[in-house]
Amino acid sequence: MRDVVAREKRYVTVISVSDADGIVTPQEIVWDDGRRFVVDRVLDCRQAASLRAGGCGLRYTVRVGGEARYLYYEDPRWFVEAMVVPMPGA
């Protein structure tokens, strides 16, 4: 049986560019501890809900470090579905 991993909404800073038509393209995701992750490519962008962490808005499917990930824009903030790591002994 597969373990179910809990997810939570984690707000992040996103460095992005906006073109003359208003199309926003995320370039980099900045974690709250300062770690930075370059967005290699935007694979898709659509209106969608986060079924794991709650919330809805624009869901970007991005490639970061060769892996596809979801990045959400819930106006005016960005978030990712972060894994919840249980505390030892909990």
C-alpha atoms as a PDB file:
ATOM      1  CA  MET A   1       0.000   0.000   0.000  1.00  0.00           C
ATOM      2  CA  ARG A   2       1.292   3.446  -0.926  1.00  0.00           C
ATOM      3  CA  ASP A   3       1.789   6.041   1.812  1.00  0.00           C
ATOM      4  CA  VAL A   4      -0.343   9.135   1.356  1.00  0.00           C
ATOM      5  CA  VAL A   5       1.743  12.278   1.687  1.00  0.00           C
ATOM      6  CA  ALA A   6      -0.069  15.256   3.195  1.00  0.00           C
ATOM      7  CA  ARG A   7       0.354  18.574   1.429  1.00  0.00           C
ATOM      8  CA  GLU A   8      -0.062  22.136   2.599  1.00  0.00           C
ATOM      9  CA  LYS A   9      -0.266  25.478   0.845  1.00  0.00           C
ATOM     10  CA  ARG A  10       3.153  27.147   1.067  1.00  0.00           C
ATOM     11  CA  TYR A  11       3.326  30.754  -0.093  1.00  0.00           C
ATOM     12  CA  VAL A  12       6.494  31.583  -2.020  1.00  0.00           C
ATOM     13  CA  THR A  13       8.108  34.526  -3.744  1.00  0.00           C
ATOM     14  CA  VAL A  14       8.163  34.204  -7.522  1.00  0.00           C
ATOM     15  CA  ILE A  15      10.387  36.206  -9.832  1.00  0.00           C
ATOM     16  CA  SER A  16       8.460  36.597 -13.082  1.00  0.00           C
ATOM     17  CA  VAL A  17       8.326  38.606 -16.279  1.00  0.00           C
ATOM     18  CA  SER A  18       5.251  40.113 -17.875  1.00  0.00           C
ATOM     19  CA  ASP A  19       5.106  40.827 -21.607  1.00  0.00           C
ATOM     20  CA  ALA A  20       3.267  43.653 -23.405  1.00  0.00           C
ATOM     21  CA  ASP A  21       0.121  41.484 -23.627  1.00  0.00           C
ATOM     22  CA  GLY A  22       0.127  40.893 -19.865  1.00  0.00           C
ATOM     23  CA  ILE A  23       1.258  37.267 -20.098  1.00  0.00           C
ATOM     24  CA  VAL A  24       3.113  36.421 -16.861  1.00  0.00           C
ATOM     25  CA  THR A  25       5.948  33.889 -17.032  1.00  0.00           C
ATOM     26  CA  PRO A  26       7.517  32.680 -13.773  1.00  0.00           C
ATOM     27  CA  GLN A  27      11.322  32.591 -13.899  1.00  0.00           C
ATOM     28  CA  GLU A  28      12.368  31.624 -10.383  1.00  0.00           C
ATOM     29  CA  ILE A  29      10.764  30.354  -7.163  1.00  0.00           C
ATOM     30  CA  VAL A  30      12.215  31.653  -3.887  1.00  0.00           C
ATOM     31  CA  TRP A  31      11.538  29.601  -0.750  1.00  0.00           C
ATOM     32  CA  ASP A  32      11.084  31.397   2.587  1.00  0.00           C
ATOM     33  CA  ASP A  33      14.524  30.166   3.733  1.00  0.00           C
ATOM     34  CA  GLY A  34      16.171  31.867   0.733  1.00  0.00           C
ATOM     35  CA  ARG A  35      16.636  28.810  -1.507  1.00  0.00           C
ATOM     36  CA  ARG A  36      16.050  29.638  -5.153  1.00  0.00           C
ATOM     37  CA  PHE A  37      14.784  27.311  -7.874  1.00  0.00           C
ATOM     38  CA  VAL A  38      15.039  28.280 -11.533  1.00  0.00           C
ATOM     39  CA  VAL A  39      11.985  27.525 -13.666  1.00  0.00           C
ATOM     40  CA  ASP A  40      13.435  25.694 -16.668  1.00  0.00           C
ATOM     41  CA  ARG A  41      10.216  25.927 -18.658  1.00  0.00           C
ATOM     42  CA  VAL A  42       6.497  26.644 -18.339  1.00  0.00           C
ATOM     43  CA  LEU A  43       4.680  23.582 -19.680  1.00  0.00           C
ATOM     44  CA  ASP A  44       1.069  24.732 -19.159  1.00  0.00           C
ATOM     45  CA  CYS A  45      -1.074  27.434 -17.559  1.00  0.00           C
ATOM     46  CA  ARG A  46      -4.805  27.117 -16.802  1.00  0.00           C
ATOM     47  CA  GLN A  47      -7.517  27.948 -14.263  1.00  0.00           C
ATOM     48  CA  ALA A  48      -7.488  25.121 -11.726  1.00  0.00           C
ATOM     49  CA  ALA A  49      -7.942  24.233  -8.077  1.00  0.00           C
ATOM     50  CA  SER A  50      -5.308  22.753  -5.813  1.00  0.00           C
ATOM     51  CA  LEU A  51      -6.976  19.500  -4.785  1.00  0.00           C
ATOM     52  CA  ARG A  52      -4.215  18.606  -2.315  1.00  0.00           C
ATOM     53  CA  ALA A  53      -3.737  21.900  -0.473  1.00  0.00           C
ATOM     54  CA  GLY A  54      -6.891  23.888  -1.219  1.00  0.00           C
ATOM     55  CA  GLY A  55      -7.243  27.155  -3.062  1.00  0.00           C
ATOM     56  CA  CYS A  56      -7.598  27.965  -6.724  1.00  0.00           C
ATOM     57  CA  GLY A  57      -6.362  30.335  -9.377  1.00  0.00           C
ATOM     58  CA  LEU A  58      -3.965  30.005 -12.269  1.00  0.00           C
ATOM     59  CA  ARG A  59      -2.095  26.709 -12.112  1.00  0.00           C
ATOM     60  CA  TYR A  60       1.243  26.766 -13.887  1.00  0.00           C
ATOM     61  CA  THR A  61       2.832  23.440 -14.674  1.00  0.00           C
ATOM     62  CA  VAL A  62       6.546  24.255 -14.585  1.00  0.00           C
ATOM     63  CA  ARG A  63       9.714  22.249 -14.980  1.00  0.00           C
ATOM     64  CA  VAL A  64      12.212  22.796 -12.171  1.00  0.00           C
ATOM     65  CA  GLY A  65      15.403  20.723 -12.104  1.00  0.00           C
ATOM     66  CA  GLY A  66      13.982  18.450 -14.794  1.00  0.00           C
ATOM     67  CA  GLU A  67      10.810  17.656 -12.764  1.00  0.00           C
ATOM     68  CA  ALA A  68       7.273  18.875 -13.497  1.00  0.00           C
ATOM     69  CA  ARG A  69       5.712  20.784 -10.584  1.00  0.00           C
ATOM     70  CA  TYR A  70       2.586  22.841 -10.002  1.00  0.00           C
ATOM     71  CA  LEU A  71       2.878  26.521  -9.122  1.00  0.00           C
ATOM     72  CA  TYR A  72      -0.311  28.439  -8.343  1.00  0.00           C
ATOM     73  CA  TYR A  73      -1.086  32.129  -8.685  1.00  0.00           C
ATOM     74  CA  GLU A  74      -3.916  32.988  -6.297  1.00  0.00           C
ATOM     75  CA  ASP A  75      -4.143  36.737  -6.803  1.00  0.00           C
ATOM     76  CA  PRO A  76      -2.133  38.429  -5.356  1.00  0.00           C
ATOM     77  CA  ARG A  77       0.093  35.578  -4.060  1.00  0.00           C
ATOM     78  CA  TRP A  78       1.903  32.515  -5.372  1.00  0.00           C
ATOM     79  CA  PHE A  79       1.921  29.122  -3.661  1.00  0.00           C
ATOM     80  CA  VAL A  80       3.113  25.548  -4.084  1.00  0.00           C
ATOM     81  CA  GLU A  81       1.805  22.277  -2.645  1.00  0.00           C
ATOM     82  CA  ALA A  82       4.506  21.505  -0.070  1.00  0.00           C
ATOM     83  CA  MET A  83       4.870  18.142   1.625  1.00  0.00           C
ATOM     84  CA  VAL A  84       4.029  18.098   5.316  1.00  0.00           C
ATOM     85  CA  VAL A  85       6.841  16.380   7.201  1.00  0.00           C
ATOM     86  CA  PRO A  86       5.533  14.823  10.433  1.00  0.00           C
ATOM     87  CA  MET A  87       7.480  15.450  13.605  1.00  0.00           C
ATOM     88  CA  PRO A  88       9.299  12.387  14.993  1.00  0.00           C
ATOM     89  CA  GLY A  89       7.148  10.574  17.547  1.00  0.00           C
ATOM     90  CA  ALA A  90       3.959  12.286  16.390  1.00  0.00           C
END
